[in-house]
């Protein structure tokens, strides 16, 4: 698959180094798609090349993939207008949209679990905790400050339960990984922890899940959006949007174009769909 990464007239990989960036000569009319680098540049390119090729064919415009070195470099690319489109997790999208209202979601990625996801708060079954309100005065551990389903979602859930998220419990240092959260709860280093719901089953080889209980589920939030930036013309944005929405979740076309990226297809999305996430992010201090 990696051998397909660069195809003449279709896809050009651009890897951004530091805060600067370099790229080979490309056509002026190309559409540049920036990818949030949750994996290496090589992995991201292999995953998204089929989608870029599909969009190139459907729109008649060359699509280039740009993979920056980290999340901050991705934000800089979008903010500076160096890319026409971006694909990022929903929290980073709303953070960027706050500073640049021109950003517009074109398609909502669907995964195996669907177009929405949620977080959970886990405890040990022998902790004596029966409901969310029982977490008052307890020690809670989360993944990262900007982890949507491993911190942001849970903070709104705790607030809705009547807890003062700044004073009613002790927030332990971030665990960095979902598995570390589960381990901390299992080992009683934390009374409770926040992780993404579909990550719990993945912990079966890390902790004894028979000892773990879910004390709360967060609201559902929309998945990753593929969005246009101020650099993109409306005509191009409309063509890309139409092409994305042709990839119905779990259809043969979607499997071929988006399957390698672990995406089952795309669904319609509008910016207001992320308003609940904005509310959660404000409470968590991430917006």
C-alpha atoms as a PDB file:
ATOM      1  CA  UNK A   1       0.000   0.000   0.000  1.00  0.00           C
ATOM      2  CA  UNK A   2       2.822   2.365   0.823  1.00  0.00           C
ATOM      3  CA  UNK A   3       3.999   2.052  -2.746  1.00  0.00           C
ATOM      4  CA  UNK A   4       0.810   3.850  -3.753  1.00  0.00           C
ATOM      5  CA  UNK A   5       1.572   6.870  -1.576  1.00  0.00           C
ATOM      6  CA  UNK A   6       2.649   9.113  -4.435  1.00  0.00           C
ATOM      7  CA  UNK A   7       0.788   8.866  -7.724  1.00  0.00           C
ATOM      8  CA  UNK A   8       1.418  11.335 -10.517  1.00  0.00           C
ATOM      9  CA  UNK A   9      -1.458  13.747 -10.932  1.00  0.00           C
ATOM     10  CA  UNK A  10      -3.332  12.415  -7.924  1.00  0.00           C
ATOM     11  CA  UNK A  11      -1.713  12.523  -4.525  1.00  0.00           C
ATOM     12  CA  UNK A  12       1.353  14.266  -3.170  1.00  0.00           C
ATOM     13  CA  UNK A  13       2.540  13.683   0.387  1.00  0.00           C
ATOM     14  CA  UNK A  14       3.764  16.708   2.257  1.00  0.00           C
ATOM     15  CA  UNK A  15       5.425  16.226   5.633  1.00  0.00           C
ATOM     16  CA  UNK A  16       5.688  19.391   7.699  1.00  0.00           C
ATOM     17  CA  UNK A  17       8.857  19.783   9.729  1.00  0.00           C
ATOM     18  CA  UNK A  18       9.019  21.985  12.816  1.00  0.00           C
ATOM     19  CA  UNK A  19       6.770  25.009  12.263  1.00  0.00           C
ATOM     20  CA  UNK A  20       8.046  25.417   8.739  1.00  0.00           C
ATOM     21  CA  UNK A  21       7.156  23.161   5.868  1.00  0.00           C
ATOM     22  CA  UNK A  22       8.572  21.925   2.627  1.00  0.00           C
ATOM     23  CA  UNK A  23       6.993  20.239  -0.361  1.00  0.00           C
ATOM     24  CA  UNK A  24       7.703  19.258  -3.944  1.00  0.00           C
ATOM     25  CA  UNK A  25       6.395  21.330  -6.852  1.00  0.00           C
ATOM     26  CA  UNK A  26       2.642  20.900  -7.166  1.00  0.00           C
ATOM     27  CA  UNK A  27      -0.091  22.303  -9.389  1.00  0.00           C
ATOM     28  CA  UNK A  28      -1.555  25.628  -8.344  1.00  0.00           C
ATOM     29  CA  UNK A  29      -5.123  24.267  -8.475  1.00  0.00           C
ATOM     30  CA  UNK A  30      -4.505  21.388  -6.096  1.00  0.00           C
ATOM     31  CA  UNK A  31      -6.538  20.870  -2.946  1.00  0.00           C
ATOM     32  CA  UNK A  32      -4.358  20.426   0.124  1.00  0.00           C
ATOM     33  CA  UNK A  33      -5.801  18.206   2.862  1.00  0.00           C
ATOM     34  CA  UNK A  34      -4.112  18.523   6.257  1.00  0.00           C
ATOM     35  CA  UNK A  35      -4.317  15.494   8.541  1.00  0.00           C
ATOM     36  CA  UNK A  36      -4.064  15.633  12.324  1.00  0.00           C
ATOM     37  CA  UNK A  37      -0.997  13.424  12.956  1.00  0.00           C
ATOM     38  CA  UNK A  38      -2.298  10.940  15.489  1.00  0.00           C
ATOM     39  CA  UNK A  39       0.069   8.386  13.883  1.00  0.00           C
ATOM     40  CA  UNK A  40       3.323   8.664  11.915  1.00  0.00           C
ATOM     41  CA  UNK A  41       3.425  10.440   8.554  1.00  0.00           C
ATOM     42  CA  UNK A  42       3.956   7.131   6.766  1.00  0.00           C
ATOM     43  CA  UNK A  43       1.003   5.489   8.505  1.00  0.00           C
ATOM     44  CA  UNK A  44      -1.306   8.466   7.972  1.00  0.00           C
ATOM     45  CA  UNK A  45      -0.392   8.655   4.296  1.00  0.00           C
ATOM     46  CA  UNK A  46      -0.960   4.946   3.703  1.00  0.00           C
ATOM     47  CA  UNK A  47      -4.328   5.206   5.434  1.00  0.00           C
ATOM     48  CA  UNK A  48      -5.617   8.298   3.619  1.00  0.00           C
ATOM     49  CA  UNK A  49      -4.134   7.942   0.111  1.00  0.00           C
ATOM     50  CA  UNK A  50      -7.187   5.993  -1.174  1.00  0.00           C
ATOM     51  CA  UNK A  51      -9.518   8.741   0.078  1.00  0.00           C
ATOM     52  CA  UNK A  52      -7.367  11.437  -1.554  1.00  0.00           C
ATOM     53  CA  UNK A  53      -7.388   9.485  -4.820  1.00  0.00           C
ATOM     54  CA  UNK A  54     -11.169   9.135  -4.623  1.00  0.00           C
ATOM     55  CA  UNK A  55     -11.655  12.862  -4.000  1.00  0.00           C
ATOM     56  CA  UNK A  56      -9.279  13.696  -6.856  1.00  0.00           C
ATOM     57  CA  UNK A  57     -11.332  11.563  -9.227  1.00  0.00           C
ATOM     58  CA  UNK A  58     -14.698  12.857  -8.031  1.00  0.00           C
ATOM     59  CA  UNK A  59     -13.809  16.563  -7.974  1.00  0.00           C
ATOM     60  CA  UNK A  60     -11.467  16.694 -10.960  1.00  0.00           C
ATOM     61  CA  UNK A  61      -8.945  18.527  -8.790  1.00  0.00           C
ATOM     62  CA  UNK A  62      -5.668  17.118  -7.518  1.00  0.00           C
ATOM     63  CA  UNK A  63      -5.664  16.337  -3.807  1.00  0.00           C
ATOM     64  CA  UNK A  64      -2.442  16.487  -1.782  1.00  0.00           C
ATOM     65  CA  UNK A  65      -2.019  15.084   1.730  1.00  0.00           C
ATOM     66  CA  UNK A  66      -0.169  17.213   4.264  1.00  0.00           C
ATOM     67  CA  UNK A  67       1.002  15.534   7.470  1.00  0.00           C
ATOM     68  CA  UNK A  68       2.462  17.973  10.026  1.00  0.00           C
ATOM     69  CA  UNK A  69       4.848  16.864  12.737  1.00  0.00           C
ATOM     70  CA  UNK A  70       2.454  17.377  15.672  1.00  0.00           C
ATOM     71  CA  UNK A  71      -0.897  18.790  16.752  1.00  0.00           C
ATOM     72  CA  UNK A  72       0.420  22.351  17.169  1.00  0.00           C
ATOM     73  CA  UNK A  73       1.878  22.284  13.654  1.00  0.00           C
ATOM     74  CA  UNK A  74      -1.515  21.122  12.361  1.00  0.00           C
ATOM     75  CA  UNK A  75      -3.228  24.052  14.050  1.00  0.00           C
ATOM     76  CA  UNK A  76      -0.646  26.424  12.575  1.00  0.00           C
ATOM     77  CA  UNK A  77      -1.240  25.056   9.073  1.00  0.00           C
ATOM     78  CA  UNK A  78      -4.990  25.584   9.316  1.00  0.00           C
ATOM     79  CA  UNK A  79      -4.751  29.009  10.957  1.00  0.00           C
ATOM     80  CA  UNK A  80      -2.216  30.300   8.446  1.00  0.00           C
ATOM     81  CA  UNK A  81      -4.263  29.190   5.445  1.00  0.00           C
ATOM     82  CA  UNK A  82      -1.696  26.719   4.104  1.00  0.00           C
ATOM     83  CA  UNK A  83      -4.325  23.983   3.645  1.00  0.00           C
ATOM     84  CA  UNK A  84      -7.713  23.943   1.922  1.00  0.00           C
ATOM     85  CA  UNK A  85      -9.166  21.264   4.176  1.00  0.00           C
ATOM     86  CA  UNK A  86      -8.446  19.637   7.498  1.00  0.00           C
ATOM     87  CA  UNK A  87      -9.330  16.381   9.204  1.00  0.00           C
ATOM     88  CA  UNK A  88      -9.131  16.506  12.990  1.00  0.00           C
ATOM     89  CA  UNK A  89     -10.734  15.348  16.189  1.00  0.00           C
ATOM     90  CA  UNK A  90     -13.829  17.351  17.179  1.00  0.00           C
ATOM     91  CA  UNK A  91     -12.156  19.238  20.022  1.00  0.00           C
ATOM     92  CA  UNK A  92      -9.397  20.622  17.817  1.00  0.00           C
ATOM     93  CA  UNK A  93     -12.012  21.528  15.210  1.00  0.00           C
ATOM     94  CA  UNK A  94     -14.037  23.650  17.654  1.00  0.00           C
ATOM     95  CA  UNK A  95     -10.865  25.234  19.058  1.00  0.00           C
ATOM     96  CA  UNK A  96      -9.806  26.268  15.540  1.00  0.00           C
ATOM     97  CA  UNK A  97     -13.333  27.359  14.601  1.00  0.00           C
ATOM     98  CA  UNK A  98     -13.400  29.691  17.612  1.00  0.00           C
ATOM     99  CA  UNK A  99     -10.523  31.719  16.151  1.00  0.00           C
ATOM    100  CA  UNK A 100     -11.503  31.271  12.507  1.00  0.00           C
ATOM    101  CA  UNK A 101     -15.278  31.285  11.843  1.00  0.00           C
ATOM    102  CA  UNK A 102     -14.651  30.515   8.150  1.00  0.00           C
ATOM    103  CA  UNK A 103     -14.024  26.835   8.930  1.00  0.00           C
ATOM    104  CA  UNK A 104     -16.952  24.697   7.784  1.00  0.00           C
ATOM    105  CA  UNK A 105     -17.502  20.947   8.306  1.00  0.00           C
ATOM    106  CA  UNK A 106     -18.077  19.084   5.041  1.00  0.00           C
ATOM    107  CA  UNK A 107     -18.516  15.520   6.233  1.00  0.00           C
ATOM    108  CA  UNK A 108     -18.720  13.593   9.497  1.00  0.00           C
ATOM    109  CA  UNK A 109     -16.547  10.502   9.688  1.00  0.00           C
ATOM    110  CA  UNK A 110     -18.290   7.269  10.590  1.00  0.00           C
ATOM    111  CA  UNK A 111     -16.346   4.521  12.345  1.00  0.00           C
ATOM    112  CA  UNK A 112     -17.228   0.980  13.360  1.00  0.00           C
ATOM    113  CA  UNK A 113     -19.070   2.420  16.367  1.00  0.00           C
ATOM    114  CA  UNK A 114     -20.950   4.966  14.230  1.00  0.00           C
ATOM    115  CA  UNK A 115     -20.823   8.732  13.768  1.00  0.00           C
ATOM    116  CA  UNK A 116     -20.903   9.520  17.485  1.00  0.00           C
ATOM    117  CA  UNK A 117     -18.906   8.437  20.507  1.00  0.00           C
ATOM    118  CA  UNK A 118     -18.925   8.970  24.262  1.00  0.00           C
ATOM    119  CA  UNK A 119     -16.829   8.591  27.364  1.00  0.00           C
ATOM    120  CA  UNK A 120     -17.294   6.687  30.596  1.00  0.00           C
ATOM    121  CA  UNK A 121     -16.226   7.047  34.215  1.00  0.00           C
ATOM    122  CA  UNK A 122     -14.924   3.797  35.658  1.00  0.00           C
ATOM    123  CA  UNK A 123     -14.449   2.649  39.264  1.00  0.00           C
ATOM    124  CA  UNK A 124     -13.601  -0.552  41.077  1.00  0.00           C
ATOM    125  CA  UNK A 125     -16.631  -2.601  42.045  1.00  0.00           C
ATOM    126  CA  UNK A 126     -15.375  -2.730  45.622  1.00  0.00           C
ATOM    127  CA  UNK A 127     -14.925   1.055  45.878  1.00  0.00           C
ATOM    128  CA  UNK A 128     -18.248   1.707  47.571  1.00  0.00           C
ATOM    129  CA  UNK A 129     -19.120   4.248  44.877  1.00  0.00           C
ATOM    130  CA  UNK A 130     -22.650   3.782  43.592  1.00  0.00           C
ATOM    131  CA  UNK A 131     -23.437   6.995  41.693  1.00  0.00           C
ATOM    132  CA  UNK A 132     -21.697  10.008  40.202  1.00  0.00           C
ATOM    133  CA  UNK A 133     -22.432  12.164  43.238  1.00  0.00           C
ATOM    134  CA  UNK A 134     -20.405   9.721  45.348  1.00  0.00           C
ATOM    135  CA  UNK A 135     -17.275  10.982  43.562  1.00  0.00           C
ATOM    136  CA  UNK A 136     -17.306  14.106  45.721  1.00  0.00           C
ATOM    137  CA  UNK A 137     -14.077  14.167  47.695  1.00  0.00           C
ATOM    138  CA  UNK A 138     -12.560  11.379  45.591  1.00  0.00           C
ATOM    139  CA  UNK A 139      -9.432  11.204  43.396  1.00  0.00           C
ATOM    140  CA  UNK A 140     -10.187  11.083  39.664  1.00  0.00           C
ATOM    141  CA  UNK A 141      -7.706  10.513  36.851  1.00  0.00           C
ATOM    142  CA  UNK A 142      -8.086  11.464  33.179  1.00  0.00           C
ATOM    143  CA  UNK A 143      -6.082  10.930  29.987  1.00  0.00           C
ATOM    144  CA  UNK A 144      -5.066  14.412  28.790  1.00  0.00           C
ATOM    145  CA  UNK A 145      -6.243  18.004  29.119  1.00  0.00           C
ATOM    146  CA  UNK A 146      -7.526  17.971  25.524  1.00  0.00           C
ATOM    147  CA  UNK A 147      -8.687  14.349  25.438  1.00  0.00           C
ATOM    148  CA  UNK A 148     -12.312  14.552  24.297  1.00  0.00           C
ATOM    149  CA  UNK A 149     -13.579  11.184  25.584  1.00  0.00           C
ATOM    150  CA  UNK A 150     -10.921  10.902  28.280  1.00  0.00           C
ATOM    151  CA  UNK A 151     -11.507  14.231  30.046  1.00  0.00           C
ATOM    152  CA  UNK A 152     -13.656  16.828  28.273  1.00  0.00           C
ATOM    153  CA  UNK A 153     -16.858  14.777  28.063  1.00  0.00           C
ATOM    154  CA  UNK A 154     -16.577  13.605  31.667  1.00  0.00           C
ATOM    155  CA  UNK A 155     -16.219  17.126  33.040  1.00  0.00           C
ATOM    156  CA  UNK A 156     -19.625  18.116  31.670  1.00  0.00           C
ATOM    157  CA  UNK A 157     -21.152  14.904  33.029  1.00  0.00           C
ATOM    158  CA  UNK A 158     -19.741  15.624  36.488  1.00  0.00           C
ATOM    159  CA  UNK A 159     -20.992  19.202  36.326  1.00  0.00           C
ATOM    160  CA  UNK A 160     -24.480  18.083  35.293  1.00  0.00           C
ATOM    161  CA  UNK A 161     -24.478  15.743  38.307  1.00  0.00           C
ATOM    162  CA  UNK A 162     -24.105  18.766  40.555  1.00  0.00           C
ATOM    163  CA  UNK A 163     -20.396  18.550  41.307  1.00  0.00           C
ATOM    164  CA  UNK A 164     -18.140  21.596  41.342  1.00  0.00           C
ATOM    165  CA  UNK A 165     -15.455  20.395  38.930  1.00  0.00           C
ATOM    166  CA  UNK A 166     -12.883  22.746  40.443  1.00  0.00           C
ATOM    167  CA  UNK A 167     -13.402  21.955  44.113  1.00  0.00           C
ATOM    168  CA  UNK A 168     -15.449  18.804  44.751  1.00  0.00           C
ATOM    169  CA  UNK A 169     -12.829  16.221  43.794  1.00  0.00           C
ATOM    170  CA  UNK A 170      -9.077  15.897  43.341  1.00  0.00           C
ATOM    171  CA  UNK A 171      -7.925  15.741  39.740  1.00  0.00           C
ATOM    172  CA  UNK A 172      -4.792  13.598  39.579  1.00  0.00           C
ATOM    173  CA  UNK A 173      -1.973  14.262  37.057  1.00  0.00           C
ATOM    174  CA  UNK A 174      -3.005  13.239  33.544  1.00  0.00           C
ATOM    175  CA  UNK A 175      -2.261   9.590  32.756  1.00  0.00           C
ATOM    176  CA  UNK A 176      -1.377  10.223  29.059  1.00  0.00           C
ATOM    177  CA  UNK A 177      -2.951   6.937  27.925  1.00  0.00           C
ATOM    178  CA  UNK A 178      -6.380   5.350  28.376  1.00  0.00           C
ATOM    179  CA  UNK A 179      -4.715   2.145  29.548  1.00  0.00           C
ATOM    180  CA  UNK A 180      -2.892   4.070  32.286  1.00  0.00           C
ATOM    181  CA  UNK A 181      -6.212   5.396  33.545  1.00  0.00           C
ATOM    182  CA  UNK A 182      -7.635   1.884  33.802  1.00  0.00           C
ATOM    183  CA  UNK A 183      -4.510   0.664  35.572  1.00  0.00           C
ATOM    184  CA  UNK A 184      -4.631   3.510  38.096  1.00  0.00           C
ATOM    185  CA  UNK A 185      -8.239   2.699  38.966  1.00  0.00           C
ATOM    186  CA  UNK A 186      -7.576  -1.034  39.142  1.00  0.00           C
ATOM    187  CA  UNK A 187      -4.558  -0.507  41.422  1.00  0.00           C
ATOM    188  CA  UNK A 188      -6.538   1.919  43.601  1.00  0.00           C
ATOM    189  CA  UNK A 189      -4.180   4.799  42.863  1.00  0.00           C
ATOM    190  CA  UNK A 190      -7.327   6.615  41.737  1.00  0.00           C
ATOM    191  CA  UNK A 191     -10.918   6.235  42.894  1.00  0.00           C
ATOM    192  CA  UNK A 192     -12.285   6.794  39.399  1.00  0.00           C
ATOM    193  CA  UNK A 193     -11.086   7.450  35.869  1.00  0.00           C
ATOM    194  CA  UNK A 194     -12.327   8.810  32.576  1.00  0.00           C
ATOM    195  CA  UNK A 195     -11.759   6.944  29.295  1.00  0.00           C
ATOM    196  CA  UNK A 196     -13.441   6.484  25.924  1.00  0.00           C
ATOM    197  CA  UNK A 197     -16.250   3.915  26.070  1.00  0.00           C
ATOM    198  CA  UNK A 198     -15.005   1.665  23.286  1.00  0.00           C
ATOM    199  CA  UNK A 199     -11.535   1.585  24.827  1.00  0.00           C
ATOM    200  CA  UNK A 200     -12.702  -0.305  27.925  1.00  0.00           C
ATOM    201  CA  UNK A 201     -12.833  -3.705  26.227  1.00  0.00           C
ATOM    202  CA  UNK A 202      -9.293  -3.098  24.952  1.00  0.00           C
ATOM    203  CA  UNK A 203      -8.144  -3.099  28.598  1.00  0.00           C
ATOM    204  CA  UNK A 204      -8.906  -6.793  29.121  1.00  0.00           C
ATOM    205  CA  UNK A 205      -5.229  -7.662  28.827  1.00  0.00           C
ATOM    206  CA  UNK A 206      -4.209  -4.792  31.122  1.00  0.00           C
ATOM    207  CA  UNK A 207      -6.583  -5.198  34.064  1.00  0.00           C
ATOM    208  CA  UNK A 208      -9.180  -7.664  35.315  1.00  0.00           C
ATOM    209  CA  UNK A 209     -12.350  -6.117  33.899  1.00  0.00           C
ATOM    210  CA  UNK A 210     -14.423  -8.222  36.301  1.00  0.00           C
ATOM    211  CA  UNK A 211     -13.257  -5.817  39.008  1.00  0.00           C
ATOM    212  CA  UNK A 212     -14.191  -2.691  37.017  1.00  0.00           C
ATOM    213  CA  UNK A 213     -17.573  -0.974  36.869  1.00  0.00           C
ATOM    214  CA  UNK A 214     -18.900   1.926  34.803  1.00  0.00           C
ATOM    215  CA  UNK A 215     -20.452   4.477  37.156  1.00  0.00           C
ATOM    216  CA  UNK A 216     -21.408   6.992  34.465  1.00  0.00           C
ATOM    217  CA  UNK A 217     -21.762   7.401  30.725  1.00  0.00           C
ATOM    218  CA  UNK A 218     -21.308  10.809  29.115  1.00  0.00           C
ATOM    219  CA  UNK A 219     -23.501  12.258  26.396  1.00  0.00           C
ATOM    220  CA  UNK A 220     -22.788  11.217  22.818  1.00  0.00           C
ATOM    221  CA  UNK A 221     -20.761  13.644  20.704  1.00  0.00           C
ATOM    222  CA  UNK A 222     -20.182  13.801  16.928  1.00  0.00           C
ATOM    223  CA  UNK A 223     -17.071  12.197  15.519  1.00  0.00           C
ATOM    224  CA  UNK A 224     -14.155  13.698  13.544  1.00  0.00           C
ATOM    225  CA  UNK A 225     -15.134  16.211  10.828  1.00  0.00           C
ATOM    226  CA  UNK A 226     -13.426  16.841   7.514  1.00  0.00           C
ATOM    227  CA  UNK A 227     -13.695  20.618   7.145  1.00  0.00           C
ATOM    228  CA  UNK A 228     -12.900  23.385   4.674  1.00  0.00           C
ATOM    229  CA  UNK A 229     -10.738  26.410   5.518  1.00  0.00           C
ATOM    230  CA  UNK A 230     -10.696  30.026   4.362  1.00  0.00           C
ATOM    231  CA  UNK A 231      -8.295  29.046   1.583  1.00  0.00           C
ATOM    232  CA  UNK A 232     -10.815  26.794  -0.142  1.00  0.00           C
ATOM    233  CA  UNK A 233     -13.237  28.103  -2.767  1.00  0.00           C
ATOM    234  CA  UNK A 234     -16.933  27.445  -2.281  1.00  0.00           C
ATOM    235  CA  UNK A 235     -17.059  25.577  -5.588  1.00  0.00           C
ATOM    236  CA  UNK A 236     -14.327  23.168  -4.495  1.00  0.00           C
ATOM    237  CA  UNK A 237     -15.865  22.771  -1.042  1.00  0.00           C
ATOM    238  CA  UNK A 238     -19.226  21.898  -2.574  1.00  0.00           C
ATOM    239  CA  UNK A 239     -17.626  19.261  -4.818  1.00  0.00           C
ATOM    240  CA  UNK A 240     -15.729  17.673  -1.943  1.00  0.00           C
ATOM    241  CA  UNK A 241     -18.829  17.676   0.259  1.00  0.00           C
ATOM    242  CA  UNK A 242     -20.872  15.943  -2.433  1.00  0.00           C
ATOM    243  CA  UNK A 243     -18.113  13.377  -2.938  1.00  0.00           C
ATOM    244  CA  UNK A 244     -17.841  12.634   0.775  1.00  0.00           C
ATOM    245  CA  UNK A 245     -21.590  12.177   1.182  1.00  0.00           C
ATOM    246  CA  UNK A 246     -21.576   9.659  -1.675  1.00  0.00           C
ATOM    247  CA  UNK A 247     -19.520   7.436   0.639  1.00  0.00           C
ATOM    248  CA  UNK A 248     -22.466   6.060   2.580  1.00  0.00           C
ATOM    249  CA  UNK A 249     -21.364   4.281   5.776  1.00  0.00           C
ATOM    250  CA  UNK A 250     -20.524   0.616   5.141  1.00  0.00           C
ATOM    251  CA  UNK A 251     -21.079   0.865   1.383  1.00  0.00           C
ATOM    252  CA  UNK A 252     -18.620  -0.856  -0.998  1.00  0.00           C
ATOM    253  CA  UNK A 253     -17.462   2.564  -2.264  1.00  0.00           C
ATOM    254  CA  UNK A 254     -16.757   3.756   1.273  1.00  0.00           C
ATOM    255  CA  UNK A 255     -14.913   0.570   2.130  1.00  0.00           C
ATOM    256  CA  UNK A 256     -12.573   1.035  -0.811  1.00  0.00           C
ATOM    257  CA  UNK A 257     -11.943   4.785  -0.396  1.00  0.00           C
ATOM    258  CA  UNK A 258     -12.067   5.214   3.378  1.00  0.00           C
ATOM    259  CA  UNK A 259     -11.651   1.717   4.800  1.00  0.00           C
ATOM    260  CA  UNK A 260      -7.844   1.897   5.027  1.00  0.00           C
ATOM    261  CA  UNK A 261      -8.275   4.960   7.282  1.00  0.00           C
ATOM    262  CA  UNK A 262     -10.559   2.929   9.595  1.00  0.00           C
ATOM    263  CA  UNK A 263     -13.505   5.029   8.408  1.00  0.00           C
ATOM    264  CA  UNK A 264     -16.709   3.304   7.308  1.00  0.00           C
ATOM    265  CA  UNK A 265     -18.042   6.348   5.425  1.00  0.00           C
ATOM    266  CA  UNK A 266     -19.227   9.928   5.869  1.00  0.00           C
ATOM    267  CA  UNK A 267     -22.493  11.496   7.031  1.00  0.00           C
ATOM    268  CA  UNK A 268     -23.944  15.030   6.886  1.00  0.00           C
ATOM    269  CA  UNK A 269     -22.787  17.450   9.592  1.00  0.00           C
ATOM    270  CA  UNK A 270     -23.249  21.121  10.487  1.00  0.00           C
ATOM    271  CA  UNK A 271     -21.273  23.251  12.906  1.00  0.00           C
ATOM    272  CA  UNK A 272     -24.045  23.490  15.518  1.00  0.00           C
ATOM    273  CA  UNK A 273     -23.767  19.724  15.998  1.00  0.00           C
ATOM    274  CA  UNK A 274     -20.646  20.524  18.065  1.00  0.00           C
ATOM    275  CA  UNK A 275     -22.329  22.988  20.459  1.00  0.00           C
ATOM    276  CA  UNK A 276     -22.576  20.439  23.286  1.00  0.00           C
ATOM    277  CA  UNK A 277     -18.861  19.738  22.892  1.00  0.00           C
ATOM    278  CA  UNK A 278     -18.164  23.457  23.177  1.00  0.00           C
ATOM    279  CA  UNK A 279     -20.092  23.502  26.451  1.00  0.00           C
ATOM    280  CA  UNK A 280     -18.071  20.573  27.784  1.00  0.00           C
ATOM    281  CA  UNK A 281     -14.777  22.090  26.638  1.00  0.00           C
ATOM    282  CA  UNK A 282     -15.544  25.373  28.423  1.00  0.00           C
ATOM    283  CA  UNK A 283     -16.144  23.544  31.695  1.00  0.00           C
ATOM    284  CA  UNK A 284     -12.879  21.638  31.230  1.00  0.00           C
ATOM    285  CA  UNK A 285     -10.968  24.820  30.449  1.00  0.00           C
ATOM    286  CA  UNK A 286     -10.162  23.702  26.899  1.00  0.00           C
ATOM    287  CA  UNK A 287     -12.234  26.263  24.976  1.00  0.00           C
END
